[in-house]
Amino acid sequence: MTSAAHEQGYNALHSMITRKCAFMNGLDLQLSVMGHVAITSNGRTKKADQTYRPVVVPQPRSDHWPTVVIQCAYSQPRSKLANDARWWLLEAGGDVKTVLTILVHQTRREVVEKWELIPRETRQGQNKKVPEITRRVVMSQKTDNDPIRVTGYPLTLPFEHLFLRPANPGEGDIVLDESDLETIATLTWRVHSNV
């Protein structure tokens, strides 16, 4: 079931990402924001909460897959988010570069995890890429009067993962610092009915 906390959780993160892009040579206009677009692969269809890819996709890459995906959960278990992140990364065969998952708890706690394909030696082969959490950020607040506590920052989204090209002068990675993450938490908790 969609809730205000779920919607605001991913929209607050989305707003911060596009805002950072806008400050870099107006790159927000070079980013296709595709929202809940349905992607079908091997008979399964998924809709992320938010998806991105560059307006100009370099050849020969297909425009079927986004480059970055956001998945948010409020009432669903963390394991569902983890399975979704794995599906996006593995099913896309490397075309999806990063999945950001957001778990909004029923208390003043929010967890953002960055998932990427990482080379690992497995039983199936050397240097096989497997989906792993590469960054975990937790935003929490005990009471309204306490400061928001952020651990695991900064959250960095590599420029090339979004735009599929090297950064030009005035461009760079999207870096969400402690203040940015506090803002995301505050925006989410303002509409959260249980906090």
N, C-alpha and C. Protein backbone atom coordinates (compact mmCIF):
# COMPACT_ATOMS: atom_id res chain seq x y z
N MET A 1 0.84 -1.19 0.00
CA MET A 1 0.00 0.00 0.00
C MET A 1 0.88 1.25 0.00
N THR A 2 0.56 2.18 -0.84
CA THR A 2 1.32 3.42 -0.91
C THR A 2 0.89 4.35 0.21
N SER A 3 1.87 4.94 0.88
CA SER A 3 1.60 5.88 1.97
C SER A 3 2.33 7.18 1.68
N ALA A 4 1.96 8.21 2.43
CA ALA A 4 2.64 9.50 2.27
C ALA A 4 4.12 9.38 2.61
N ALA A 5 4.45 8.57 3.63
CA ALA A 5 5.85 8.39 4.02
C ALA A 5 6.64 7.71 2.90
N HIS A 6 6.03 6.72 2.26
CA HIS A 6 6.67 6.02 1.13
C HIS A 6 6.93 7.00 -0.01
N GLU A 7 5.90 7.73 -0.41
CA GLU A 7 6.03 8.67 -1.53
C GLU A 7 7.05 9.76 -1.24
N GLN A 8 6.98 10.33 -0.04
CA GLN A 8 7.91 11.41 0.30
C GLN A 8 9.33 10.89 0.47
N GLY A 9 9.48 9.64 0.94
CA GLY A 9 10.81 9.06 1.12
C GLY A 9 11.62 9.08 -0.15
N TYR A 10 11.06 8.56 -1.23
CA TYR A 10 11.85 8.54 -2.48
C TYR A 10 11.82 9.89 -3.19
N ASN A 11 10.73 10.65 -3.06
CA ASN A 11 10.68 11.96 -3.72
C ASN A 11 11.66 12.95 -3.10
N ALA A 12 11.88 12.86 -1.79
CA ALA A 12 12.86 13.75 -1.15
C ALA A 12 14.26 13.44 -1.67
N LEU A 13 14.58 12.15 -1.80
CA LEU A 13 15.88 11.76 -2.35
C LEU A 13 15.99 12.18 -3.82
N HIS A 14 14.94 11.95 -4.58
CA HIS A 14 14.91 12.35 -5.99
C HIS A 14 15.13 13.87 -6.14
N SER A 15 14.44 14.65 -5.33
CA SER A 15 14.57 16.11 -5.40
C SER A 15 16.01 16.55 -5.12
N MET A 16 16.64 15.90 -4.16
CA MET A 16 18.01 16.27 -3.82
C MET A 16 18.96 15.91 -4.97
N ILE A 17 18.75 14.76 -5.60
CA ILE A 17 19.60 14.36 -6.73
C ILE A 17 19.45 15.34 -7.89
N THR A 18 18.21 15.66 -8.27
CA THR A 18 18.01 16.57 -9.41
C THR A 18 18.47 17.98 -9.08
N ARG A 19 18.34 18.39 -7.83
CA ARG A 19 18.83 19.71 -7.43
C ARG A 19 20.34 19.80 -7.59
N LYS A 20 21.04 18.75 -7.17
CA LYS A 20 22.50 18.72 -7.32
C LYS A 20 22.88 18.75 -8.81
N CYS A 21 22.12 18.04 -9.64
CA CYS A 21 22.39 18.05 -11.09
C CYS A 21 22.17 19.44 -11.68
N ALA A 22 21.15 20.13 -11.23
CA ALA A 22 20.84 21.47 -11.75
C ALA A 22 21.99 22.44 -11.49
N PHE A 23 22.67 22.28 -10.35
CA PHE A 23 23.79 23.16 -10.01
C PHE A 23 25.04 22.85 -10.83
N MET A 24 25.03 21.75 -11.57
CA MET A 24 26.18 21.38 -12.41
C MET A 24 25.83 21.61 -13.88
N ASN A 25 25.97 22.82 -14.33
CA ASN A 25 25.73 23.15 -15.75
C ASN A 25 24.32 22.80 -16.21
N GLY A 26 23.35 22.82 -15.30
CA GLY A 26 21.97 22.51 -15.68
C GLY A 26 21.77 21.07 -16.12
N LEU A 27 22.52 20.15 -15.52
CA LEU A 27 22.46 18.75 -15.95
C LEU A 27 21.13 18.06 -15.65
N ASP A 28 20.30 18.68 -14.83
CA ASP A 28 18.98 18.08 -14.59
C ASP A 28 18.20 17.97 -15.90
N LEU A 29 18.51 18.84 -16.86
CA LEU A 29 17.83 18.80 -18.16
C LEU A 29 18.45 17.78 -19.11
N GLN A 30 19.56 17.17 -18.71
CA GLN A 30 20.20 16.11 -19.50
C GLN A 30 19.90 14.72 -18.93
N LEU A 31 18.99 14.70 -17.96
CA LEU A 31 18.66 13.45 -17.27
C LEU A 31 17.19 13.11 -17.51
N SER A 32 16.94 11.95 -18.08
CA SER A 32 15.55 11.48 -18.24
C SER A 32 15.10 10.89 -16.91
N VAL A 33 14.10 11.52 -16.33
CA VAL A 33 13.52 11.04 -15.07
C VAL A 33 12.26 10.29 -15.46
N MET A 34 12.29 8.97 -15.29
CA MET A 34 11.23 8.14 -15.86
C MET A 34 10.24 7.59 -14.84
N GLY A 35 10.39 7.92 -13.57
CA GLY A 35 9.40 7.54 -12.57
C GLY A 35 9.09 6.06 -12.53
N HIS A 36 7.81 5.73 -12.54
CA HIS A 36 7.32 4.35 -12.37
C HIS A 36 7.23 3.56 -13.67
N VAL A 37 8.03 3.86 -14.65
CA VAL A 37 7.94 3.16 -15.93
C VAL A 37 8.14 1.65 -15.71
N ALA A 38 7.31 0.86 -16.39
CA ALA A 38 7.39 -0.60 -16.26
C ALA A 38 8.49 -1.15 -17.16
N ILE A 39 9.32 -1.99 -16.59
CA ILE A 39 10.40 -2.66 -17.34
C ILE A 39 10.11 -4.16 -17.30
N THR A 40 10.09 -4.79 -18.46
CA THR A 40 9.84 -6.23 -18.55
C THR A 40 11.10 -6.92 -19.03
N SER A 41 11.43 -8.02 -18.34
CA SER A 41 12.58 -8.83 -18.73
C SER A 41 12.33 -10.26 -18.29
N ASN A 42 12.53 -11.19 -19.20
CA ASN A 42 12.34 -12.62 -18.92
C ASN A 42 10.97 -12.91 -18.29
N GLY A 43 9.95 -12.26 -18.81
CA GLY A 43 8.58 -12.52 -18.36
C GLY A 43 8.18 -11.86 -17.06
N ARG A 44 9.06 -11.08 -16.47
CA ARG A 44 8.74 -10.39 -15.21
C ARG A 44 8.76 -8.89 -15.45
N THR A 45 7.77 -8.21 -14.91
CA THR A 45 7.68 -6.76 -15.05
C THR A 45 7.85 -6.12 -13.68
N LYS A 46 8.69 -5.08 -13.62
CA LYS A 46 8.90 -4.35 -12.37
C LYS A 46 8.74 -2.86 -12.63
N LYS A 47 8.28 -2.19 -11.60
CA LYS A 47 8.19 -0.73 -11.60
C LYS A 47 8.94 -0.23 -10.37
N ALA A 48 9.97 0.55 -10.59
CA ALA A 48 10.69 1.17 -9.48
C ALA A 48 9.92 2.42 -9.05
N ASP A 49 10.31 2.98 -7.92
CA ASP A 49 9.70 4.24 -7.49
C ASP A 49 10.23 5.40 -8.32
N GLN A 50 11.49 5.32 -8.73
CA GLN A 50 12.07 6.37 -9.57
C GLN A 50 13.20 5.75 -10.38
N THR A 51 13.32 6.15 -11.64
CA THR A 51 14.40 5.66 -12.49
C THR A 51 14.98 6.82 -13.29
N TYR A 52 16.26 6.70 -13.63
CA TYR A 52 16.97 7.74 -14.36
C TYR A 52 17.81 7.11 -15.47
N ARG A 53 18.04 7.88 -16.50
CA ARG A 53 19.05 7.56 -17.51
C ARG A 53 19.33 8.87 -18.25
N PRO A 54 20.48 8.96 -18.91
CA PRO A 54 20.77 10.20 -19.63
C PRO A 54 19.83 10.38 -20.81
N VAL A 55 19.56 11.62 -21.17
CA VAL A 55 18.73 11.92 -22.33
C VAL A 55 19.37 11.31 -23.58
N VAL A 56 20.68 11.44 -23.70
CA VAL A 56 21.41 10.85 -24.82
C VAL A 56 22.12 9.60 -24.31
N VAL A 57 21.67 8.45 -24.80
CA VAL A 57 22.26 7.17 -24.40
C VAL A 57 23.33 6.80 -25.42
N PRO A 58 24.58 6.57 -24.96
CA PRO A 58 25.65 6.25 -25.91
C PRO A 58 25.40 4.92 -26.61
N GLN A 59 25.79 4.87 -27.88
CA GLN A 59 25.66 3.63 -28.66
C GLN A 59 26.79 2.69 -28.28
N PRO A 60 26.63 1.42 -28.26
CA PRO A 60 25.47 0.65 -28.70
C PRO A 60 24.52 0.30 -27.55
N ARG A 61 24.62 0.98 -26.41
CA ARG A 61 23.79 0.64 -25.26
C ARG A 61 22.32 0.84 -25.57
N SER A 62 21.50 -0.09 -25.13
CA SER A 62 20.05 0.00 -25.30
C SER A 62 19.48 1.02 -24.33
N ASP A 63 18.36 1.63 -24.70
CA ASP A 63 17.68 2.54 -23.77
C ASP A 63 16.58 1.82 -23.00
N HIS A 64 16.58 0.49 -23.02
CA HIS A 64 15.57 -0.30 -22.31
C HIS A 64 15.69 -0.13 -20.80
N TRP A 65 16.93 -0.11 -20.31
CA TRP A 65 17.16 -0.07 -18.86
C TRP A 65 17.56 1.32 -18.41
N PRO A 66 17.13 1.71 -17.20
CA PRO A 66 17.64 2.95 -16.61
C PRO A 66 19.08 2.73 -16.14
N THR A 67 19.76 3.80 -15.78
CA THR A 67 21.11 3.68 -15.23
C THR A 67 21.09 3.66 -13.71
N VAL A 68 20.14 4.37 -13.11
CA VAL A 68 20.00 4.43 -11.66
C VAL A 68 18.54 4.23 -11.30
N VAL A 69 18.31 3.47 -10.22
CA VAL A 69 16.96 3.12 -9.77
C VAL A 69 16.83 3.47 -8.29
N ILE A 70 15.66 3.99 -7.90
CA ILE A 70 15.33 4.18 -6.48
C ILE A 70 14.15 3.29 -6.15
N GLN A 71 14.28 2.50 -5.09
CA GLN A 71 13.20 1.67 -4.55
C GLN A 71 13.00 2.06 -3.10
N CYS A 72 11.75 2.29 -2.70
CA CYS A 72 11.44 2.70 -1.34
C CYS A 72 10.43 1.74 -0.73
N ALA A 73 10.54 1.53 0.58
CA ALA A 73 9.57 0.69 1.29
C ALA A 73 9.22 1.34 2.61
N TYR A 74 7.96 1.24 2.96
CA TYR A 74 7.49 1.71 4.27
C TYR A 74 6.97 0.53 5.08
N SER A 75 6.06 -0.23 4.52
CA SER A 75 5.47 -1.34 5.26
C SER A 75 6.02 -2.70 4.83
N GLN A 76 6.86 -2.71 3.81
CA GLN A 76 7.42 -3.97 3.31
C GLN A 76 8.71 -4.30 4.06
N PRO A 77 9.06 -5.58 4.12
CA PRO A 77 10.30 -5.96 4.81
C PRO A 77 11.54 -5.54 4.02
N ARG A 78 12.64 -5.40 4.74
CA ARG A 78 13.92 -5.04 4.12
C ARG A 78 14.33 -6.08 3.08
N SER A 79 13.98 -7.34 3.30
CA SER A 79 14.35 -8.40 2.36
C SER A 79 13.74 -8.17 0.98
N LYS A 80 12.54 -7.58 0.93
CA LYS A 80 11.91 -7.27 -0.36
C LYS A 80 12.72 -6.22 -1.11
N LEU A 81 13.16 -5.19 -0.40
CA LEU A 81 14.01 -4.17 -1.03
C LEU A 81 15.30 -4.78 -1.55
N ALA A 82 15.91 -5.65 -0.76
CA ALA A 82 17.16 -6.30 -1.17
C ALA A 82 16.94 -7.14 -2.43
N ASN A 83 15.85 -7.89 -2.46
CA ASN A 83 15.55 -8.71 -3.64
C ASN A 83 15.30 -7.84 -4.87
N ASP A 84 14.60 -6.72 -4.68
CA ASP A 84 14.37 -5.79 -5.79
C ASP A 84 15.69 -5.23 -6.32
N ALA A 85 16.58 -4.83 -5.41
CA ALA A 85 17.87 -4.27 -5.83
C ALA A 85 18.66 -5.31 -6.63
N ARG A 86 18.68 -6.53 -6.13
CA ARG A 86 19.39 -7.60 -6.85
C ARG A 86 18.80 -7.82 -8.24
N TRP A 87 17.46 -7.83 -8.32
CA TRP A 87 16.81 -8.05 -9.62
C TRP A 87 17.23 -6.98 -10.62
N TRP A 88 17.15 -5.72 -10.24
CA TRP A 88 17.50 -4.63 -11.15
C TRP A 88 18.93 -4.77 -11.64
N LEU A 89 19.85 -5.03 -10.73
CA LEU A 89 21.27 -5.10 -11.11
C LEU A 89 21.59 -6.32 -11.96
N LEU A 90 21.07 -7.48 -11.57
CA LEU A 90 21.40 -8.71 -12.30
C LEU A 90 20.64 -8.83 -13.62
N GLU A 91 19.36 -8.51 -13.60
CA GLU A 91 18.54 -8.67 -14.80
C GLU A 91 18.99 -7.73 -15.91
N ALA A 92 19.48 -6.56 -15.53
CA ALA A 92 19.91 -5.57 -16.53
C ALA A 92 21.29 -5.89 -17.10
N GLY A 93 21.96 -6.88 -16.56
CA GLY A 93 23.26 -7.27 -17.10
C GLY A 93 24.31 -6.17 -17.06
N GLY A 94 24.24 -5.33 -16.05
CA GLY A 94 25.21 -4.25 -15.92
C GLY A 94 24.74 -2.90 -16.43
N ASP A 95 23.60 -2.86 -17.12
CA ASP A 95 23.09 -1.57 -17.61
C ASP A 95 22.59 -0.69 -16.46
N VAL A 96 21.97 -1.28 -15.44
CA VAL A 96 21.62 -0.53 -14.24
C VAL A 96 22.90 -0.48 -13.40
N LYS A 97 23.40 0.71 -13.14
CA LYS A 97 24.68 0.88 -12.46
C LYS A 97 24.53 0.95 -10.95
N THR A 98 23.46 1.58 -10.47
CA THR A 98 23.26 1.78 -9.03
C THR A 98 21.78 1.66 -8.71
N VAL A 99 21.50 1.00 -7.59
CA VAL A 99 20.15 0.98 -7.03
C VAL A 99 20.24 1.58 -5.63
N LEU A 100 19.41 2.58 -5.37
CA LEU A 100 19.31 3.17 -4.04
C LEU A 100 18.02 2.66 -3.42
N THR A 101 18.13 2.01 -2.26
CA THR A 101 16.93 1.55 -1.55
C THR A 101 16.74 2.43 -0.32
N ILE A 102 15.48 2.70 -0.02
CA ILE A 102 15.14 3.52 1.14
C ILE A 102 14.13 2.75 1.97
N LEU A 103 14.44 2.53 3.23
CA LEU A 103 13.52 1.89 4.15
C LEU A 103 13.09 2.92 5.18
N VAL A 104 11.82 3.31 5.14
CA VAL A 104 11.27 4.27 6.08
C VAL A 104 10.61 3.47 7.20
N HIS A 105 11.12 3.62 8.41
CA HIS A 105 10.57 2.89 9.56
C HIS A 105 9.38 3.64 10.14
N GLN A 106 8.63 2.96 11.00
CA GLN A 106 7.47 3.58 11.63
C GLN A 106 7.86 4.45 12.82
N THR A 107 9.13 4.60 13.05
CA THR A 107 9.65 5.56 14.02
C THR A 107 10.52 6.52 13.22
N ARG A 108 11.14 7.45 13.88
CA ARG A 108 11.99 8.41 13.17
C ARG A 108 13.32 7.76 12.80
N ARG A 109 13.25 6.88 11.83
CA ARG A 109 14.45 6.19 11.35
C ARG A 109 14.27 5.91 9.87
N GLU A 110 15.31 6.19 9.11
CA GLU A 110 15.29 5.98 7.67
C GLU A 110 16.65 5.43 7.26
N VAL A 111 16.65 4.38 6.45
CA VAL A 111 17.90 3.75 6.02
C VAL A 111 17.98 3.81 4.50
N VAL A 112 19.08 4.34 3.99
CA VAL A 112 19.33 4.37 2.55
C VAL A 112 20.53 3.46 2.28
N GLU A 113 20.35 2.52 1.36
CA GLU A 113 21.45 1.64 0.97
C GLU A 113 21.73 1.81 -0.51
N LYS A 114 23.01 1.88 -0.83
CA LYS A 114 23.46 1.97 -2.22
C LYS A 114 23.96 0.59 -2.64
N TRP A 115 23.34 0.05 -3.69
CA TRP A 115 23.69 -1.27 -4.22
C TRP A 115 24.39 -1.11 -5.56
N GLU A 116 25.44 -1.90 -5.77
CA GLU A 116 26.16 -1.90 -7.05
C GLU A 116 26.64 -3.32 -7.33
N LEU A 117 27.00 -3.57 -8.58
CA LEU A 117 27.62 -4.85 -8.93
C LEU A 117 29.11 -4.75 -8.64
N ILE A 118 29.60 -5.68 -7.83
CA ILE A 118 30.99 -5.67 -7.39
C ILE A 118 31.66 -6.96 -7.85
N PRO A 119 32.87 -6.89 -8.44
CA PRO A 119 33.56 -8.12 -8.85
C PRO A 119 33.95 -8.95 -7.62
N ARG A 120 33.57 -10.21 -7.64
CA ARG A 120 33.88 -11.14 -6.55
C ARG A 120 34.22 -12.49 -7.13
N GLU A 121 35.12 -13.18 -6.46
CA GLU A 121 35.40 -14.55 -6.85
C GLU A 121 34.32 -15.43 -6.23
N THR A 122 33.61 -16.18 -7.06
CA THR A 122 32.53 -17.05 -6.59
C THR A 122 32.80 -18.47 -7.06
N ARG A 123 31.97 -19.39 -6.60
CA ARG A 123 32.09 -20.78 -7.06
C ARG A 123 31.82 -20.88 -8.56
N GLN A 124 31.01 -19.97 -9.10
CA GLN A 124 30.67 -20.00 -10.52
C GLN A 124 31.79 -19.43 -11.39
N GLY A 125 32.68 -18.65 -10.82
CA GLY A 125 33.74 -18.10 -11.65
C GLY A 125 34.46 -16.96 -10.98
N GLN A 126 35.65 -16.68 -11.48
CA GLN A 126 36.43 -15.57 -10.96
C GLN A 126 35.89 -14.25 -11.47
N ASN A 127 35.96 -13.26 -10.61
CA ASN A 127 35.56 -11.89 -10.95
C ASN A 127 34.14 -11.78 -11.49
N LYS A 128 33.27 -12.65 -11.04
CA LYS A 128 31.86 -12.50 -11.38
C LYS A 128 31.34 -11.30 -10.60
N LYS A 129 30.47 -10.53 -11.23
CA LYS A 129 29.92 -9.36 -10.54
C LYS A 129 28.67 -9.77 -9.78
N VAL A 130 28.64 -9.40 -8.50
CA VAL A 130 27.51 -9.73 -7.64
C VAL A 130 26.97 -8.44 -7.02
N PRO A 131 25.65 -8.38 -6.78
CA PRO A 131 25.07 -7.19 -6.17
C PRO A 131 25.41 -7.13 -4.68
N GLU A 132 25.92 -5.98 -4.27
CA GLU A 132 26.27 -5.79 -2.86
C GLU A 132 25.96 -4.37 -2.44
N ILE A 133 25.75 -4.21 -1.14
CA ILE A 133 25.59 -2.88 -0.56
C ILE A 133 26.97 -2.26 -0.45
N THR A 134 27.15 -1.09 -1.07
CA THR A 134 28.44 -0.41 -1.03
C THR A 134 28.43 0.80 -0.10
N ARG A 135 27.25 1.20 0.36
CA ARG A 135 27.13 2.31 1.32
C ARG A 135 25.80 2.16 2.04
N ARG A 136 25.82 2.40 3.35
CA ARG A 136 24.59 2.35 4.15
C ARG A 136 24.55 3.60 5.01
N VAL A 137 23.49 4.38 4.84
CA VAL A 137 23.31 5.62 5.59
C VAL A 137 22.07 5.45 6.45
N VAL A 138 22.18 5.84 7.72
CA VAL A 138 21.04 5.77 8.63
C VAL A 138 20.79 7.17 9.17
N MET A 139 19.53 7.62 9.04
CA MET A 139 19.10 8.88 9.63
C MET A 139 18.12 8.53 10.74
N SER A 140 18.33 9.10 11.94
CA SER A 140 17.43 8.78 13.05
C SER A 140 17.32 9.99 13.98
N GLN A 141 16.24 9.97 14.75
CA GLN A 141 15.98 11.04 15.71
C GLN A 141 15.13 10.46 16.83
N LYS A 142 15.60 10.59 18.08
CA LYS A 142 14.86 10.00 19.21
C LYS A 142 13.54 10.72 19.46
N THR A 143 13.60 12.04 19.56
CA THR A 143 12.39 12.85 19.78
C THR A 143 12.49 14.11 18.93
N ASP A 144 11.38 14.86 18.87
CA ASP A 144 11.38 16.12 18.11
C ASP A 144 12.46 17.08 18.58
N ASN A 145 12.79 17.01 19.88
CA ASN A 145 13.74 17.96 20.46
C ASN A 145 15.20 17.54 20.27
N ASP A 146 15.43 16.32 19.86
CA ASP A 146 16.79 15.83 19.65
C ASP A 146 17.25 16.15 18.23
N PRO A 147 18.57 16.31 18.05
CA PRO A 147 19.06 16.52 16.68
C PRO A 147 18.93 15.24 15.86
N ILE A 148 18.86 15.40 14.56
CA ILE A 148 18.85 14.24 13.66
C ILE A 148 20.28 13.70 13.62
N ARG A 149 20.39 12.41 13.79
CA ARG A 149 21.70 11.75 13.75
C ARG A 149 21.82 11.05 12.40
N VAL A 150 22.93 11.31 11.70
CA VAL A 150 23.19 10.68 10.41
C VAL A 150 24.50 9.92 10.51
N THR A 151 24.47 8.64 10.15
CA THR A 151 25.70 7.84 10.11
C THR A 151 25.89 7.31 8.69
N GLY A 152 27.14 7.10 8.32
CA GLY A 152 27.44 6.51 7.02
C GLY A 152 27.53 7.49 5.86
N TYR A 153 27.42 8.78 6.14
CA TYR A 153 27.51 9.78 5.07
C TYR A 153 28.96 10.01 4.70
N PRO A 154 29.25 10.56 3.53
CA PRO A 154 28.32 11.01 2.49
C PRO A 154 27.83 9.84 1.65
N LEU A 155 26.71 10.07 0.98
CA LEU A 155 26.18 9.12 0.00
C LEU A 155 26.56 9.68 -1.37
N THR A 156 27.40 8.95 -2.09
CA THR A 156 27.93 9.43 -3.37
C THR A 156 27.38 8.60 -4.51
N LEU A 157 26.82 9.28 -5.48
CA LEU A 157 26.33 8.65 -6.71
C LEU A 157 27.30 9.03 -7.83
N PRO A 158 28.08 8.07 -8.33
CA PRO A 158 29.07 8.40 -9.36
C PRO A 158 28.43 9.03 -10.60
N PHE A 159 29.06 10.09 -11.08
CA PHE A 159 28.57 10.82 -12.25
C PHE A 159 28.34 9.88 -13.43
N GLU A 160 29.32 9.01 -13.69
CA GLU A 160 29.22 8.11 -14.85
C GLU A 160 28.09 7.10 -14.71
N HIS A 161 27.67 6.80 -13.50
CA HIS A 161 26.54 5.88 -13.32
C HIS A 161 25.24 6.52 -13.79
N LEU A 162 25.12 7.82 -13.62
CA LEU A 162 23.91 8.52 -14.08
C LEU A 162 23.97 8.83 -15.57
N PHE A 163 25.09 9.40 -16.02
CA PHE A 163 25.17 9.99 -17.36
C PHE A 163 25.92 9.15 -18.39
N LEU A 164 26.55 8.06 -17.96
CA LEU A 164 27.27 7.15 -18.87
C LEU A 164 28.37 7.85 -19.67
N ARG A 165 28.99 8.83 -19.05
CA ARG A 165 30.12 9.53 -19.67
C ARG A 165 30.95 10.16 -18.56
N PRO A 166 32.21 10.50 -18.86
CA PRO A 166 33.02 11.20 -17.86
C PRO A 166 32.48 12.61 -17.61
N ALA A 167 32.75 13.12 -16.43
CA ALA A 167 32.32 14.47 -16.08
C ALA A 167 33.17 15.51 -16.81
N ASN A 168 32.53 16.58 -17.25
CA ASN A 168 33.20 17.73 -17.84
C ASN A 168 33.52 18.73 -16.73
N PRO A 169 34.29 19.79 -17.03
CA PRO A 169 34.53 20.82 -16.01
C PRO A 169 33.20 21.36 -15.47
N GLY A 170 33.14 21.52 -14.16
CA GLY A 170 31.92 22.00 -13.51
C GLY A 170 30.93 20.89 -13.20
N GLU A 171 31.28 19.65 -13.52
CA GLU A 171 30.43 18.49 -13.26
C GLU A 171 31.17 17.54 -12.33
N GLY A 172 30.45 16.64 -11.71
CA GLY A 172 31.10 15.66 -10.83
C GLY A 172 30.07 14.74 -10.20
N ASP A 173 30.56 13.90 -9.31
CA ASP A 173 29.68 12.97 -8.61
C ASP A 173 28.61 13.72 -7.83
N ILE A 174 27.46 13.09 -7.67
CA ILE A 174 26.40 13.63 -6.82
C ILE A 174 26.74 13.21 -5.40
N VAL A 175 27.04 14.17 -4.54
CA VAL A 175 27.45 13.87 -3.16
C VAL A 175 26.40 14.44 -2.22
N LEU A 176 25.76 13.55 -1.46
CA LEU A 176 24.78 13.96 -0.46
C LEU A 176 25.48 13.93 0.90
N ASP A 177 25.68 15.12 1.46
CA ASP A 177 26.39 15.23 2.73
C ASP A 177 25.42 15.13 3.91
N GLU A 178 25.92 15.33 5.10
CA GLU A 178 25.09 15.19 6.30
C GLU A 178 23.87 16.10 6.25
N SER A 179 24.06 17.34 5.85
CA SER A 179 22.96 18.30 5.79
C SER A 179 21.90 17.88 4.77
N ASP A 180 22.33 17.41 3.61
CA ASP A 180 21.39 16.93 2.58
C ASP A 180 20.55 15.77 3.12
N LEU A 181 21.20 14.84 3.80
CA LEU A 181 20.50 13.66 4.32
C LEU A 181 19.56 14.03 5.47
N GLU A 182 19.95 15.01 6.28
CA GLU A 182 19.04 15.52 7.32
C GLU A 182 17.79 16.11 6.68
N THR A 183 17.97 16.85 5.59
CA THR A 183 16.83 17.45 4.88
C THR A 183 15.91 16.37 4.34
N ILE A 184 16.47 15.32 3.75
CA ILE A 184 15.66 14.21 3.24
C ILE A 184 14.85 13.60 4.37
N ALA A 185 15.48 13.36 5.52
CA ALA A 185 14.78 12.77 6.67
C ALA A 185 13.67 13.70 7.16
N THR A 186 13.97 14.98 7.29
CA THR A 186 12.98 15.94 7.77
C THR A 186 11.77 16.00 6.84
N LEU A 187 12.00 16.05 5.54
CA LEU A 187 10.89 16.09 4.58
C LEU A 187 10.03 14.84 4.67
N THR A 188 10.66 13.70 4.88
CA THR A 188 9.91 12.44 4.99
C THR A 188 9.11 12.40 6.28
N TRP A 189 9.74 12.76 7.39
CA TRP A 189 9.08 12.66 8.68
C TRP A 189 7.96 13.68 8.85
N ARG A 190 7.99 14.77 8.11
CA ARG A 190 6.90 15.76 8.20
C ARG A 190 5.57 15.19 7.73
N VAL A 191 5.59 14.26 6.79
CA VAL A 191 4.34 13.68 6.28
C VAL A 191 4.05 12.31 6.88
N HIS A 192 4.96 11.83 7.72
CA HIS A 192 4.86 10.50 8.31
C HIS A 192 3.87 10.55 9.47
N SER A 193 2.78 9.83 9.38
CA SER A 193 1.70 9.93 10.37
C SER A 193 2.04 9.31 11.72
N ASN A 194 3.05 8.44 11.79
CA ASN A 194 3.33 7.73 13.04
C ASN A 194 4.50 8.28 13.82
N VAL A 195 5.05 9.42 13.42
CA VAL A 195 6.19 9.95 14.17
C VAL A 195 5.86 11.29 14.78
